[in-house]
Amino acid sequence: MKQVGHDEAWDRDLFVLDAASPDDLPISFSLPSPRFVCLIAWDATGATAAVIASLARRLLDAGAVYLCAWGPDSQRIHDTIDEEAVGPNPLAEVDRVVMTTWHSDESLAEVLQFVLTSTWPDEPYTEGCGATLGIAIGSPQWASEIRQAFSKPKEFIERQLANG
């Protein structure tokens, strides 16, 4: 995991983690802020539910408060994160929620723009949310695209807006 930039608009440090497979991801995630936004770019079609749930639990335990899933089978990643976030006995009334989205019909560039401009955690989680982590699993090309966007977020967003 490497810091590649800083987003001045949200005051978040930007990190990228490039893993060949879910097995190559760390057991625990340690970022300099107690809470963070996370993008998972992954073709999870061959992943078991247990593998996805394990990744979701590690991210949630590390402080992920807004998670975006992109790639084939991203809805299943999203749904699994939601299940892990609420646990086996969800309460009827909760005062906070971990935000999740999936993006199956958008390009990675569009999702990166979303992550950099629209990921505001639920109010109880905003304080201490000082990082964004982009995880690419199984695609060095996706990791490179995330790294490029995160290294100069303002310029990336301006290019995206100009390209419409």
Protein backbone atom coordinates (compact mmCIF):
# COMPACT_ATOMS: atom_id res chain seq x y z
CA MET A 1 0.00 0.00 0.00
CA LYS A 2 1.49 3.30 -1.06
CA GLN A 3 0.40 6.90 -0.68
CA VAL A 4 0.38 8.45 -4.15
CA GLY A 5 -1.35 11.78 -3.59
CA HIS A 6 -3.53 14.05 -1.54
CA ASP A 7 -7.03 15.26 -2.32
CA GLU A 8 -7.19 18.88 -1.15
CA ALA A 9 -10.96 19.16 -1.73
CA TRP A 10 -11.74 16.41 0.82
CA ASP A 11 -8.44 16.69 2.72
CA ARG A 12 -7.77 12.99 2.23
CA ASP A 13 -4.51 11.17 1.61
CA LEU A 14 -4.80 8.88 -1.41
CA PHE A 15 -3.43 5.35 -1.37
CA VAL A 16 -3.23 2.53 -3.93
CA LEU A 17 -2.92 -1.17 -3.26
CA ASP A 18 -2.18 -3.45 -6.22
CA ALA A 19 -2.73 -7.17 -5.57
CA ALA A 20 -2.52 -10.07 -8.00
CA SER A 21 -5.23 -11.93 -6.09
CA PRO A 22 -7.26 -11.61 -2.88
CA ASP A 23 -4.69 -13.89 -1.22
CA ASP A 24 -2.05 -11.19 -1.75
CA LEU A 25 -3.96 -8.59 0.26
CA PRO A 26 -2.73 -7.83 3.78
CA ILE A 27 -4.44 -9.42 6.75
CA SER A 28 -5.03 -5.94 8.18
CA PHE A 29 -5.13 -2.50 6.63
CA SER A 30 -3.39 0.36 8.38
CA LEU A 31 -3.96 3.91 7.21
CA PRO A 32 -2.98 7.16 8.93
CA SER A 33 -6.60 8.08 9.65
CA PRO A 34 -9.10 6.06 11.70
CA ARG A 35 -11.67 6.09 8.87
CA PHE A 36 -11.38 5.92 5.10
CA VAL A 37 -13.16 5.64 1.77
CA CYS A 38 -12.35 2.55 -0.30
CA LEU A 39 -12.64 1.64 -3.97
CA ILE A 40 -12.38 -2.05 -4.82
CA ALA A 41 -11.69 -2.70 -8.51
CA TRP A 42 -12.01 -6.46 -8.95
CA ASP A 43 -13.40 -9.13 -11.24
CA ALA A 44 -14.93 -11.18 -8.44
CA THR A 45 -16.82 -13.65 -10.65
CA GLY A 46 -14.58 -16.54 -9.58
CA ALA A 47 -14.37 -15.55 -5.92
CA THR A 48 -16.18 -17.49 -3.24
CA ALA A 49 -18.58 -15.74 -0.89
CA ALA A 50 -16.16 -16.48 1.97
CA VAL A 51 -13.28 -14.72 0.19
CA ILE A 52 -15.39 -11.62 -0.48
CA ALA A 53 -16.73 -11.62 3.08
CA SER A 54 -13.21 -11.91 4.50
CA LEU A 55 -12.04 -8.91 2.49
CA ALA A 56 -15.14 -6.93 3.48
CA ARG A 57 -14.66 -7.70 7.17
CA ARG A 58 -10.96 -6.69 7.07
CA LEU A 59 -11.80 -3.36 5.41
CA LEU A 60 -14.66 -2.62 7.79
CA ASP A 61 -12.54 -3.53 10.81
CA ALA A 62 -9.78 -1.22 9.54
CA GLY A 63 -12.19 1.74 9.36
CA ALA A 64 -13.73 1.74 5.89
CA VAL A 65 -16.88 3.88 6.08
CA TYR A 66 -17.67 4.30 2.38
CA LEU A 67 -16.97 1.43 -0.01
CA CYS A 68 -17.38 1.45 -3.79
CA ALA A 69 -17.18 -1.75 -5.81
CA TRP A 70 -16.33 -1.73 -9.52
CA GLY A 71 -15.81 -4.53 -12.01
CA PRO A 72 -17.53 -7.76 -12.98
CA ASP A 73 -19.71 -9.03 -10.14
CA SER A 74 -19.42 -5.73 -8.27
CA GLN A 75 -23.01 -6.00 -7.08
CA ARG A 76 -22.14 -9.20 -5.21
CA ILE A 77 -19.16 -7.45 -3.60
CA HIS A 78 -21.48 -4.59 -2.59
CA ASP A 79 -24.12 -6.92 -1.17
CA THR A 80 -21.54 -8.89 0.81
CA ILE A 81 -20.08 -5.70 2.28
CA ASP A 82 -23.58 -4.64 3.32
CA GLU A 83 -24.16 -8.01 4.98
CA GLU A 84 -20.86 -7.77 6.85
CA ALA A 85 -21.56 -4.17 7.90
CA VAL A 86 -24.93 -4.90 9.51
CA GLY A 87 -23.96 -8.30 10.93
CA PRO A 88 -26.19 -11.28 11.63
CA ASN A 89 -28.64 -9.37 13.84
CA PRO A 90 -29.31 -5.95 12.31
CA LEU A 91 -30.95 -3.44 14.60
CA ALA A 92 -34.25 -1.88 13.60
CA GLU A 93 -32.88 1.56 14.44
CA VAL A 94 -29.32 2.57 13.71
CA ASP A 95 -27.74 5.98 14.08
CA ARG A 96 -25.03 5.42 11.47
CA VAL A 97 -24.54 3.51 8.27
CA VAL A 98 -21.55 2.43 6.22
CA MET A 99 -22.17 3.73 2.71
CA THR A 100 -21.75 1.31 -0.20
CA THR A 101 -22.15 1.55 -3.97
CA TRP A 102 -21.54 -0.70 -6.92
CA HIS A 103 -20.75 0.44 -10.43
CA SER A 104 -21.26 -2.23 -13.06
CA ASP A 105 -22.23 0.00 -15.98
CA GLU A 106 -19.57 2.70 -15.67
CA SER A 107 -15.97 2.96 -16.77
CA LEU A 108 -13.25 2.88 -14.15
CA ALA A 109 -12.52 6.54 -14.95
CA GLU A 110 -16.15 7.46 -14.18
CA VAL A 111 -16.00 5.58 -10.89
CA LEU A 112 -12.71 7.24 -9.97
CA GLN A 113 -14.34 10.60 -10.58
CA PHE A 114 -17.23 9.52 -8.32
CA VAL A 115 -14.83 8.38 -5.59
CA LEU A 116 -12.92 11.65 -5.75
CA THR A 117 -15.97 13.94 -5.81
CA SER A 118 -18.99 12.23 -4.25
CA THR A 119 -18.00 9.92 -1.40
CA TRP A 120 -19.16 11.70 1.72
CA PRO A 121 -19.57 9.24 4.62
CA ASP A 122 -22.61 9.18 6.87
CA GLU A 123 -22.41 12.06 9.39
CA PRO A 124 -21.17 10.06 12.41
CA TYR A 125 -18.24 8.83 10.29
CA THR A 126 -17.10 12.09 8.67
CA GLU A 127 -14.73 13.07 11.46
CA GLY A 128 -11.49 11.15 11.07
CA CYS A 129 -12.16 10.15 7.46
CA GLY A 130 -8.82 11.36 6.12
CA ALA A 131 -7.90 8.79 3.49
CA THR A 132 -9.08 7.11 0.33
CA LEU A 133 -7.76 3.66 -0.58
CA GLY A 134 -8.00 2.31 -4.11
CA ILE A 135 -7.56 -1.45 -4.30
CA ALA A 136 -7.01 -3.17 -7.65
CA ILE A 137 -7.15 -6.95 -7.56
CA GLY A 138 -5.88 -8.96 -10.50
CA SER A 139 -5.22 -6.09 -12.89
CA PRO A 140 -2.04 -4.03 -12.98
CA GLN A 141 -3.78 -1.89 -15.62
CA TRP A 142 -6.57 -0.96 -13.19
CA ALA A 143 -3.98 -0.24 -10.48
CA SER A 144 -2.15 2.05 -12.89
CA GLU A 145 -5.36 3.90 -13.76
CA ILE A 146 -6.17 4.37 -10.07
CA ARG A 147 -2.60 5.49 -9.35
CA GLN A 148 -2.72 8.08 -12.16
CA ALA A 149 -6.05 9.52 -10.96
CA PHE A 150 -4.98 9.57 -7.32
CA SER A 151 -1.55 11.10 -7.99
CA LYS A 152 -3.12 14.32 -9.34
CA PRO A 153 -6.80 14.23 -8.38
CA LYS A 154 -7.63 17.83 -9.26
CA GLU A 155 -6.20 17.49 -12.77
CA PHE A 156 -7.89 14.12 -13.23
CA ILE A 157 -11.31 15.53 -12.29
CA GLU A 158 -10.82 18.54 -14.57
CA ARG A 159 -9.99 16.20 -17.50
CA GLN A 160 -13.04 14.05 -16.76
CA LEU A 161 -15.33 17.06 -16.66
CA ALA A 162 -13.85 18.44 -19.88
CA ASN A 163 -14.39 15.10 -21.62
CA GLY A 164 -18.03 15.12 -20.51
